[in-house]
């Protein structure tokens, strides 16, 4: 029953947290609810200042480091979700 469920749960929690951060940044639940996982955040109305704030919040709340180079590949909620999942997995198995 627990097989594979933990990864899906963690993935869902990450997505939920990223959407919560979007609500915090935009001040509206509707934006986070209507944007698709693969929609470009900048093209959908988030300004560059909020994108930087999103990166800072992801770093603080989810405990991952995001470099300027990493930021170039983070355009969608799905991108953030995959990035956080990969970094969290690497941190857990990397053991520093």
PDB file of N, CA and C in Angstrom:
ATOM      1  N   UNK A   1       0.814  -1.194   0.000  1.00  0.00           N
ATOM      2  CA  UNK A   1       0.000   0.000   0.000  1.00  0.00           C
ATOM      3  C   UNK A   1       0.862   1.265   0.000  1.00  0.00           C
ATOM      4  N   UNK A   2       1.999   1.200   0.639  1.00  0.00           N
ATOM      5  CA  UNK A   2       2.890   2.348   0.722  1.00  0.00           C
ATOM      6  C   UNK A   2       3.824   2.443  -0.479  1.00  0.00           C
ATOM      7  N   UNK A   3       3.859   1.401  -1.295  1.00  0.00           N
ATOM      8  CA  UNK A   3       4.772   1.367  -2.441  1.00  0.00           C
ATOM      9  C   UNK A   3       4.515   2.505  -3.407  1.00  0.00           C
ATOM     10  N   UNK A   4       5.531   3.308  -3.619  1.00  0.00           N
ATOM     11  CA  UNK A   4       5.428   4.392  -4.578  1.00  0.00           C
ATOM     12  C   UNK A   4       4.553   5.542  -4.108  1.00  0.00           C
ATOM     13  N   UNK A   5       3.757   5.317  -3.113  1.00  0.00           N
ATOM     14  CA  UNK A   5       2.859   6.346  -2.620  1.00  0.00           C
ATOM     15  C   UNK A   5       3.575   7.534  -2.018  1.00  0.00           C
ATOM     16  N   UNK A   6       4.694   7.272  -1.368  1.00  0.00           N
ATOM     17  CA  UNK A   6       5.425   8.361  -0.730  1.00  0.00           C
ATOM     18  C   UNK A   6       5.948   9.350  -1.748  1.00  0.00           C
ATOM     19  N   UNK A   7       6.475   8.874  -2.892  1.00  0.00           N
ATOM     20  CA  UNK A   7       6.985   9.783  -3.915  1.00  0.00           C
ATOM     21  C   UNK A   7       5.855  10.635  -4.467  1.00  0.00           C
ATOM     22  N   UNK A   8       4.713  10.025  -4.744  1.00  0.00           N
ATOM     23  CA  UNK A   8       3.577  10.768  -5.277  1.00  0.00           C
ATOM     24  C   UNK A   8       3.092  11.791  -4.243  1.00  0.00           C
ATOM     25  N   UNK A   9       3.097  11.398  -2.973  1.00  0.00           N
ATOM     26  CA  UNK A   9       2.701  12.309  -1.920  1.00  0.00           C
ATOM     27  C   UNK A   9       3.642  13.503  -1.852  1.00  0.00           C
ATOM     28  N   UNK A  10       4.937  13.245  -1.880  1.00  0.00           N
ATOM     29  CA  UNK A  10       5.921  14.321  -1.817  1.00  0.00           C
ATOM     30  C   UNK A  10       5.774  15.236  -3.017  1.00  0.00           C
ATOM     31  N   UNK A  11       5.536  14.663  -4.184  1.00  0.00           N
ATOM     32  CA  UNK A  11       5.365  15.452  -5.395  1.00  0.00           C
ATOM     33  C   UNK A  11       4.150  16.367  -5.242  1.00  0.00           C
ATOM     34  N   UNK A  12       3.052  15.834  -4.741  1.00  0.00           N
ATOM     35  CA  UNK A  12       1.845  16.618  -4.538  1.00  0.00           C
ATOM     36  C   UNK A  12       2.058  17.738  -3.530  1.00  0.00           C
ATOM     37  N   UNK A  13       2.803  17.451  -2.475  1.00  0.00           N
ATOM     38  CA  UNK A  13       3.099  18.459  -1.470  1.00  0.00           C
ATOM     39  C   UNK A  13       3.930  19.580  -2.067  1.00  0.00           C
ATOM     40  N   UNK A  14       4.886  19.255  -2.909  1.00  0.00           N
ATOM     41  CA  UNK A  14       5.709  20.263  -3.557  1.00  0.00           C
ATOM     42  C   UNK A  14       4.847  21.144  -4.438  1.00  0.00           C
ATOM     43  N   UNK A  15       3.988  20.528  -5.240  1.00  0.00           N
ATOM     44  CA  UNK A  15       3.130  21.288  -6.129  1.00  0.00           C
ATOM     45  C   UNK A  15       2.236  22.212  -5.314  1.00  0.00           C
ATOM     46  N   UNK A  16       1.652  21.690  -4.264  1.00  0.00           N
ATOM     47  CA  UNK A  16       0.778  22.475  -3.419  1.00  0.00           C
ATOM     48  C   UNK A  16       1.525  23.662  -2.825  1.00  0.00           C
ATOM     49  N   UNK A  17       2.738  23.439  -2.362  1.00  0.00           N
ATOM     50  CA  UNK A  17       3.528  24.510  -1.774  1.00  0.00           C
ATOM     51  C   UNK A  17       3.847  25.577  -2.805  1.00  0.00           C
ATOM     52  N   UNK A  18       4.201  25.189  -4.009  1.00  0.00           N
ATOM     53  CA  UNK A  18       4.518  26.159  -5.054  1.00  0.00           C
ATOM     54  C   UNK A  18       3.276  26.978  -5.394  1.00  0.00           C
ATOM     55  N   UNK A  19       2.140  26.331  -5.477  1.00  0.00           N
ATOM     56  CA  UNK A  19       0.897  27.076  -5.730  1.00  0.00           C
ATOM     57  C   UNK A  19       0.589  28.017  -4.555  1.00  0.00           C
ATOM     58  N   UNK A  20       0.830  27.564  -3.333  1.00  0.00           N
ATOM     59  CA  UNK A  20       0.619  28.434  -2.168  1.00  0.00           C
ATOM     60  C   UNK A  20       1.519  29.658  -2.239  1.00  0.00           C
ATOM     61  N   UNK A  21       2.751  29.463  -2.674  1.00  0.00           N
ATOM     62  CA  UNK A  21       3.669  30.588  -2.818  1.00  0.00           C
ATOM     63  C   UNK A  21       3.179  31.554  -3.886  1.00  0.00           C
ATOM     64  N   UNK A  22       2.595  31.024  -4.951  1.00  0.00           N
ATOM     65  CA  UNK A  22       2.035  31.883  -5.999  1.00  0.00           C
ATOM     66  C   UNK A  22       0.870  32.707  -5.453  1.00  0.00           C
ATOM     67  N   UNK A  23       0.054  32.094  -4.602  1.00  0.00           N
ATOM     68  CA  UNK A  23      -1.056  32.818  -3.978  1.00  0.00           C
ATOM     69  C   UNK A  23      -0.494  33.949  -3.128  1.00  0.00           C
ATOM     70  N   UNK A  24       0.553  33.638  -2.378  1.00  0.00           N
ATOM     71  CA  UNK A  24       1.191  34.635  -1.523  1.00  0.00           C
ATOM     72  C   UNK A  24       1.737  35.798  -2.354  1.00  0.00           C
ATOM     73  N   UNK A  25       2.343  35.486  -3.483  1.00  0.00           N
ATOM     74  CA  UNK A  25       2.942  36.522  -4.325  1.00  0.00           C
ATOM     75  C   UNK A  25       1.906  37.353  -5.065  1.00  0.00           C
ATOM     76  N   UNK A  26       0.893  36.694  -5.598  1.00  0.00           N
ATOM     77  CA  UNK A  26      -0.089  37.399  -6.430  1.00  0.00           C
ATOM     78  C   UNK A  26      -1.243  37.965  -5.614  1.00  0.00           C
ATOM     79  N   UNK A  27      -1.442  37.433  -4.400  1.00  0.00           N
ATOM     80  CA  UNK A  27      -2.539  37.895  -3.579  1.00  0.00           C
ATOM     81  C   UNK A  27      -3.887  37.354  -4.020  1.00  0.00           C
ATOM     82  N   UNK A  28      -3.885  36.355  -4.917  1.00  0.00           N
ATOM     83  CA  UNK A  28      -5.144  35.805  -5.402  1.00  0.00           C
ATOM     84  C   UNK A  28      -5.065  34.300  -5.593  1.00  0.00           C
ATOM     85  N   UNK A  29      -6.031  33.600  -5.051  1.00  0.00           N
ATOM     86  CA  UNK A  29      -6.117  32.147  -5.203  1.00  0.00           C
ATOM     87  C   UNK A  29      -6.471  31.794  -6.641  1.00  0.00           C
ATOM     88  N   UNK A  30      -7.266  32.634  -7.283  1.00  0.00           N
ATOM     89  CA  UNK A  30      -7.731  32.356  -8.647  1.00  0.00           C
ATOM     90  C   UNK A  30      -6.569  32.164  -9.619  1.00  0.00           C
ATOM     91  N   UNK A  31      -5.537  32.976  -9.484  1.00  0.00           N
ATOM     92  CA  UNK A  31      -4.390  32.845 -10.391  1.00  0.00           C
ATOM     93  C   UNK A  31      -3.756  31.468 -10.256  1.00  0.00           C
ATOM     94  N   UNK A  32      -3.474  31.063  -9.040  1.00  0.00           N
ATOM     95  CA  UNK A  32      -2.823  29.768  -8.804  1.00  0.00           C
ATOM     96  C   UNK A  32      -3.721  28.614  -9.225  1.00  0.00           C
ATOM     97  N   UNK A  33      -5.024  28.779  -9.078  1.00  0.00           N
ATOM     98  CA  UNK A  33      -5.959  27.717  -9.458  1.00  0.00           C
ATOM     99  C   UNK A  33      -6.088  27.572 -10.972  1.00  0.00           C
ATOM    100  N   UNK A  34      -6.013  28.680 -11.687  1.00  0.00           N
ATOM    101  CA  UNK A  34      -6.272  28.600 -13.128  1.00  0.00           C
ATOM    102  C   UNK A  34      -5.030  28.321 -13.975  1.00  0.00           C
ATOM    103  N   UNK A  35      -3.854  28.575 -13.440  1.00  0.00           N
ATOM    104  CA  UNK A  35      -2.651  28.370 -14.254  1.00  0.00           C
ATOM    105  C   UNK A  35      -2.307  26.886 -14.309  1.00  0.00           C
ATOM    106  N   UNK A  36      -2.012  26.415 -15.499  1.00  0.00           N
ATOM    107  CA  UNK A  36      -1.648  25.017 -15.676  1.00  0.00           C
ATOM    108  C   UNK A  36      -0.223  24.742 -15.231  1.00  0.00           C
ATOM    109  N   UNK A  37       0.071  23.475 -14.993  1.00  0.00           N
ATOM    110  CA  UNK A  37       1.405  23.083 -14.534  1.00  0.00           C
ATOM    111  C   UNK A  37       2.495  23.440 -15.536  1.00  0.00           C
ATOM    112  N   UNK A  38       2.146  23.471 -16.812  1.00  0.00           N
ATOM    113  CA  UNK A  38       3.143  23.723 -17.850  1.00  0.00           C
ATOM    114  C   UNK A  38       3.005  25.086 -18.518  1.00  0.00           C
ATOM    115  N   UNK A  39       2.226  25.977 -17.912  1.00  0.00           N
ATOM    116  CA  UNK A  39       2.086  27.332 -18.447  1.00  0.00           C
ATOM    117  C   UNK A  39       3.284  28.171 -18.015  1.00  0.00           C
ATOM    118  N   UNK A  40       3.803  28.972 -18.930  1.00  0.00           N
ATOM    119  CA  UNK A  40       4.927  29.854 -18.634  1.00  0.00           C
ATOM    120  C   UNK A  40       4.455  30.929 -17.649  1.00  0.00           C
ATOM    121  N   UNK A  41       5.086  30.966 -16.485  1.00  0.00           N
ATOM    122  CA  UNK A  41       4.668  31.896 -15.436  1.00  0.00           C
ATOM    123  C   UNK A  41       4.812  33.353 -15.873  1.00  0.00           C
ATOM    124  N   UNK A  42       5.915  33.697 -16.517  1.00  0.00           N
ATOM    125  CA  UNK A  42       6.135  35.080 -16.946  1.00  0.00           C
ATOM    126  C   UNK A  42       5.100  35.486 -17.998  1.00  0.00           C
ATOM    127  N   UNK A  43       4.799  34.590 -18.926  1.00  0.00           N
ATOM    128  CA  UNK A  43       3.834  34.898 -19.983  1.00  0.00           C
ATOM    129  C   UNK A  43       2.412  34.967 -19.441  1.00  0.00           C
ATOM    130  N   UNK A  44       2.185  34.381 -18.268  1.00  0.00           N
ATOM    131  CA  UNK A  44       0.834  34.356 -17.722  1.00  0.00           C
ATOM    132  C   UNK A  44       0.567  35.513 -16.766  1.00  0.00           C
ATOM    133  N   UNK A  45       1.506  36.447 -16.658  1.00  0.00           N
ATOM    134  CA  UNK A  45       1.220  37.669 -15.918  1.00  0.00           C
ATOM    135  C   UNK A  45       2.038  37.930 -14.667  1.00  0.00           C
ATOM    136  N   UNK A  46       2.941  37.050 -14.295  1.00  0.00           N
ATOM    137  CA  UNK A  46       3.783  37.310 -13.126  1.00  0.00           C
ATOM    138  C   UNK A  46       4.971  38.167 -13.576  1.00  0.00           C
ATOM    139  N   UNK A  47       5.223  39.255 -12.865  1.00  0.00           N
ATOM    140  CA  UNK A  47       6.334  40.114 -13.265  1.00  0.00           C
ATOM    141  C   UNK A  47       7.669  39.558 -12.767  1.00  0.00           C
ATOM    142  N   UNK A  48       8.743  40.105 -13.286  1.00  0.00           N
ATOM    143  CA  UNK A  48      10.077  39.571 -12.985  1.00  0.00           C
ATOM    144  C   UNK A  48      10.423  39.674 -11.509  1.00  0.00           C
ATOM    145  N   UNK A  49       9.952  40.713 -10.842  1.00  0.00           N
ATOM    146  CA  UNK A  49      10.195  40.845  -9.408  1.00  0.00           C
ATOM    147  C   UNK A  49       9.550  39.717  -8.623  1.00  0.00           C
ATOM    148  N   UNK A  50       8.322  39.362  -8.998  1.00  0.00           N
ATOM    149  CA  UNK A  50       7.646  38.252  -8.324  1.00  0.00           C
ATOM    150  C   UNK A  50       8.311  36.920  -8.637  1.00  0.00           C
ATOM    151  N   UNK A  51       8.855  36.770  -9.830  1.00  0.00           N
ATOM    152  CA  UNK A  51       9.568  35.535 -10.160  1.00  0.00           C
ATOM    153  C   UNK A  51      10.808  35.387  -9.283  1.00  0.00           C
ATOM    154  N   UNK A  52      11.510  36.478  -9.051  1.00  0.00           N
ATOM    155  CA  UNK A  52      12.673  36.440  -8.155  1.00  0.00           C
ATOM    156  C   UNK A  52      12.224  36.123  -6.734  1.00  0.00           C
ATOM    157  N   UNK A  53      11.131  36.743  -6.304  1.00  0.00           N
ATOM    158  CA  UNK A  53      10.604  36.460  -4.969  1.00  0.00           C
ATOM    159  C   UNK A  53      10.162  35.001  -4.844  1.00  0.00           C
ATOM    160  N   UNK A  54       9.598  34.448  -5.922  1.00  0.00           N
ATOM    161  CA  UNK A  54       9.206  33.037  -5.911  1.00  0.00           C
ATOM    162  C   UNK A  54      10.425  32.149  -5.689  1.00  0.00           C
ATOM    163  N   UNK A  55      11.516  32.445  -6.384  1.00  0.00           N
ATOM    164  CA  UNK A  55      12.756  31.677  -6.217  1.00  0.00           C
ATOM    165  C   UNK A  55      13.230  31.760  -4.767  1.00  0.00           C
ATOM    166  N   UNK A  56      13.216  32.953  -4.198  1.00  0.00           N
ATOM    167  CA  UNK A  56      13.663  33.121  -2.812  1.00  0.00           C
ATOM    168  C   UNK A  56      12.768  32.350  -1.849  1.00  0.00           C
ATOM    169  N   UNK A  57      11.465  32.394  -2.079  1.00  0.00           N
ATOM    170  CA  UNK A  57      10.545  31.656  -1.208  1.00  0.00           C
ATOM    171  C   UNK A  57      10.738  30.151  -1.341  1.00  0.00           C
ATOM    172  N   UNK A  58      10.946  29.673  -2.560  1.00  0.00           N
ATOM    173  CA  UNK A  58      11.186  28.237  -2.765  1.00  0.00           C
ATOM    174  C   UNK A  58      12.442  27.825  -2.015  1.00  0.00           C
ATOM    175  N   UNK A  59      13.484  28.644  -2.109  1.00  0.00           N
ATOM    176  CA  UNK A  59      14.730  28.332  -1.386  1.00  0.00           C
ATOM    177  C   UNK A  59      14.489  28.284   0.118  1.00  0.00           C
ATOM    178  N   UNK A  60      13.800  29.274   0.639  1.00  0.00           N
ATOM    179  CA  UNK A  60      13.574  29.356   2.087  1.00  0.00           C
ATOM    180  C   UNK A  60      12.652  28.255   2.588  1.00  0.00           C
ATOM    181  N   UNK A  61      11.543  28.059   1.914  1.00  0.00           N
ATOM    182  CA  UNK A  61      10.522  27.134   2.417  1.00  0.00           C
ATOM    183  C   UNK A  61      10.823  25.677   2.118  1.00  0.00           C
ATOM    184  N   UNK A  62      11.472  25.433   0.967  1.00  0.00           N
ATOM    185  CA  UNK A  62      11.697  24.045   0.563  1.00  0.00           C
ATOM    186  C   UNK A  62      13.149  23.609   0.733  1.00  0.00           C
ATOM    187  N   UNK A  63      14.012  24.543   1.120  1.00  0.00           N
ATOM    188  CA  UNK A  63      15.376  24.191   1.470  1.00  0.00           C
ATOM    189  C   UNK A  63      16.258  23.764   0.315  1.00  0.00           C
ATOM    190  N   UNK A  64      16.013  24.326  -0.880  1.00  0.00           N
ATOM    191  CA  UNK A  64      16.875  24.029  -2.018  1.00  0.00           C
ATOM    192  C   UNK A  64      17.554  25.309  -2.476  1.00  0.00           C
ATOM    193  N   UNK A  65      18.761  25.167  -3.000  1.00  0.00           N
ATOM    194  CA  UNK A  65      19.473  26.324  -3.526  1.00  0.00           C
ATOM    195  C   UNK A  65      19.203  26.429  -5.017  1.00  0.00           C
ATOM    196  N   UNK A  66      18.865  27.625  -5.465  1.00  0.00           N
ATOM    197  CA  UNK A  66      18.592  27.868  -6.880  1.00  0.00           C
ATOM    198  C   UNK A  66      19.566  28.928  -7.366  1.00  0.00           C
ATOM    199  N   UNK A  67      20.414  28.552  -8.315  1.00  0.00           N
ATOM    200  CA  UNK A  67      21.387  29.484  -8.868  1.00  0.00           C
ATOM    201  C   UNK A  67      20.749  30.294  -9.999  1.00  0.00           C
ATOM    202  N   UNK A  68      21.445  31.336 -10.439  1.00  0.00           N
ATOM    203  CA  UNK A  68      20.958  32.136 -11.569  1.00  0.00           C
ATOM    204  C   UNK A  68      20.822  31.257 -12.807  1.00  0.00           C
ATOM    205  N   UNK A  69      21.744  30.327 -12.967  1.00  0.00           N
ATOM    206  CA  UNK A  69      21.689  29.396 -14.101  1.00  0.00           C
ATOM    207  C   UNK A  69      20.457  28.497 -14.001  1.00  0.00           C
ATOM    208  N   UNK A  70      20.163  28.012 -12.794  1.00  0.00           N
ATOM    209  CA  UNK A  70      18.971  27.194 -12.575  1.00  0.00           C
ATOM    210  C   UNK A  70      17.705  27.966 -12.930  1.00  0.00           C
ATOM    211  N   UNK A  71      17.673  29.252 -12.561  1.00  0.00           N
ATOM    212  CA  UNK A  71      16.492  30.085 -12.791  1.00  0.00           C
ATOM    213  C   UNK A  71      16.096  30.132 -14.261  1.00  0.00           C
ATOM    214  N   UNK A  72      17.079  30.051 -15.133  1.00  0.00           N
ATOM    215  CA  UNK A  72      16.796  30.110 -16.572  1.00  0.00           C
ATOM    216  C   UNK A  72      15.901  28.960 -17.023  1.00  0.00           C
ATOM    217  N   UNK A  73      15.979  27.816 -16.335  1.00  0.00           N
ATOM    218  CA  UNK A  73      15.186  26.665 -16.719  1.00  0.00           C
ATOM    219  C   UNK A  73      13.877  26.538 -15.953  1.00  0.00           C
ATOM    220  N   UNK A  74      13.629  27.470 -15.025  1.00  0.00           N
ATOM    221  CA  UNK A  74      12.421  27.402 -14.214  1.00  0.00           C
ATOM    222  C   UNK A  74      11.385  28.377 -14.760  1.00  0.00           C
ATOM    223  N   UNK A  75      10.526  27.868 -15.630  1.00  0.00           N
ATOM    224  CA  UNK A  75       9.527  28.722 -16.266  1.00  0.00           C
ATOM    225  C   UNK A  75       8.096  28.382 -15.839  1.00  0.00           C
ATOM    226  N   UNK A  76       7.872  27.150 -15.402  1.00  0.00           N
ATOM    227  CA  UNK A  76       6.520  26.687 -15.100  1.00  0.00           C
ATOM    228  C   UNK A  76       6.459  26.088 -13.694  1.00  0.00           C
ATOM    229  N   UNK A  77       5.242  25.878 -13.204  1.00  0.00           N
ATOM    230  CA  UNK A  77       5.078  25.200 -11.917  1.00  0.00           C
ATOM    231  C   UNK A  77       5.683  23.805 -12.006  1.00  0.00           C
ATOM    232  N   UNK A  78       5.475  23.137 -13.128  1.00  0.00           N
ATOM    233  CA  UNK A  78       6.046  21.809 -13.337  1.00  0.00           C
ATOM    234  C   UNK A  78       7.561  21.820 -13.270  1.00  0.00           C
ATOM    235  N   UNK A  79       8.179  22.872 -13.843  1.00  0.00           N
ATOM    236  CA  UNK A  79       9.644  22.996 -13.780  1.00  0.00           C
ATOM    237  C   UNK A  79      10.107  23.102 -12.324  1.00  0.00           C
ATOM    238  N   UNK A  80       9.429  23.933 -11.552  1.00  0.00           N
ATOM    239  CA  UNK A  80       9.782  24.086 -10.136  1.00  0.00           C
ATOM    240  C   UNK A  80       9.597  22.768  -9.395  1.00  0.00           C
ATOM    241  N   UNK A  81       8.489  22.106  -9.674  1.00  0.00           N
ATOM    242  CA  UNK A  81       8.201  20.843  -8.996  1.00  0.00           C
ATOM    243  C   UNK A  81       9.293  19.806  -9.273  1.00  0.00           C
ATOM    244  N   UNK A  82       9.652  19.655 -10.544  1.00  0.00           N
ATOM    245  CA  UNK A  82      10.703  18.682 -10.913  1.00  0.00           C
ATOM    246  C   UNK A  82      12.046  19.068 -10.299  1.00  0.00           C
ATOM    247  N   UNK A  83      12.373  20.348 -10.351  1.00  0.00           N
ATOM    248  CA  UNK A  83      13.641  20.827  -9.805  1.00  0.00           C
ATOM    249  C   UNK A  83      13.741  20.521  -8.316  1.00  0.00           C
ATOM    250  N   UNK A  84      12.692  20.868  -7.574  1.00  0.00           N
ATOM    251  CA  UNK A  84      12.692  20.642  -6.129  1.00  0.00           C
ATOM    252  C   UNK A  84      12.761  19.155  -5.824  1.00  0.00           C
ATOM    253  N   UNK A  85      12.006  18.351  -6.560  1.00  0.00           N
ATOM    254  CA  UNK A  85      12.008  16.907  -6.332  1.00  0.00           C
ATOM    255  C   UNK A  85      13.402  16.328  -6.585  1.00  0.00           C
ATOM    256  N   UNK A  86      14.064  16.771  -7.662  1.00  0.00           N
ATOM    257  CA  UNK A  86      15.418  16.289  -7.965  1.00  0.00           C
ATOM    258  C   UNK A  86      16.402  16.712  -6.898  1.00  0.00           C
ATOM    259  N   UNK A  87      16.340  17.974  -6.480  1.00  0.00           N
ATOM    260  CA  UNK A  87      17.279  18.473  -5.464  1.00  0.00           C
ATOM    261  C   UNK A  87      17.023  17.826  -4.115  1.00  0.00           C
ATOM    262  N   UNK A  88      15.760  17.648  -3.768  1.00  0.00           N
ATOM    263  CA  UNK A  88      15.433  17.027  -2.494  1.00  0.00           C
ATOM    264  C   UNK A  88      15.912  15.575  -2.493  1.00  0.00           C
ATOM    265  N   UNK A  89      15.751  14.886  -3.613  1.00  0.00           N
ATOM    266  CA  UNK A  89      16.222  13.508  -3.737  1.00  0.00           C
ATOM    267  C   UNK A  89      17.728  13.423  -3.667  1.00  0.00           C
ATOM    268  N   UNK A  90      18.412  14.368  -4.321  1.00  0.00           N
ATOM    269  CA  UNK A  90      19.875  14.388  -4.315  1.00  0.00           C
ATOM    270  C   UNK A  90      20.386  14.685  -2.917  1.00  0.00           C
ATOM    271  N   UNK A  91      19.710  15.582  -2.207  1.00  0.00           N
ATOM    272  CA  UNK A  91      20.111  15.926  -0.847  1.00  0.00           C
ATOM    273  C   UNK A  91      19.953  14.755   0.105  1.00  0.00           C
ATOM    274  N   UNK A  92      18.886  14.002  -0.087  1.00  0.00           N
ATOM    275  CA  UNK A  92      18.613  12.860   0.793  1.00  0.00           C
ATOM    276  C   UNK A  92      19.611  11.732   0.571  1.00  0.00           C
ATOM    277  N   UNK A  93      19.998  11.529  -0.695  1.00  0.00           N
ATOM    278  CA  UNK A  93      20.926  10.440  -0.991  1.00  0.00           C
ATOM    279  C   UNK A  93      22.375  10.909  -1.010  1.00  0.00           C
ATOM    280  N   UNK A  94      22.588  12.235  -1.161  1.00  0.00           N
ATOM    281  CA  UNK A  94      23.940  12.770  -1.220  1.00  0.00           C
ATOM    282  C   UNK A  94      24.598  12.851   0.140  1.00  0.00           C
ATOM    283  N   UNK A  95      23.804  13.080   1.160  1.00  0.00           N
ATOM    284  CA  UNK A  95      24.251  13.070   2.539  1.00  0.00           C
ATOM    285  C   UNK A  95      25.346  14.017   2.913  1.00  0.00           C
ATOM    286  N   UNK A  96      25.120  15.321   2.836  1.00  0.00           N
ATOM    287  CA  UNK A  96      26.129  16.281   3.275  1.00  0.00           C
ATOM    288  C   UNK A  96      25.757  16.877   4.597  1.00  0.00           C
TER     289      UNK A  96
END
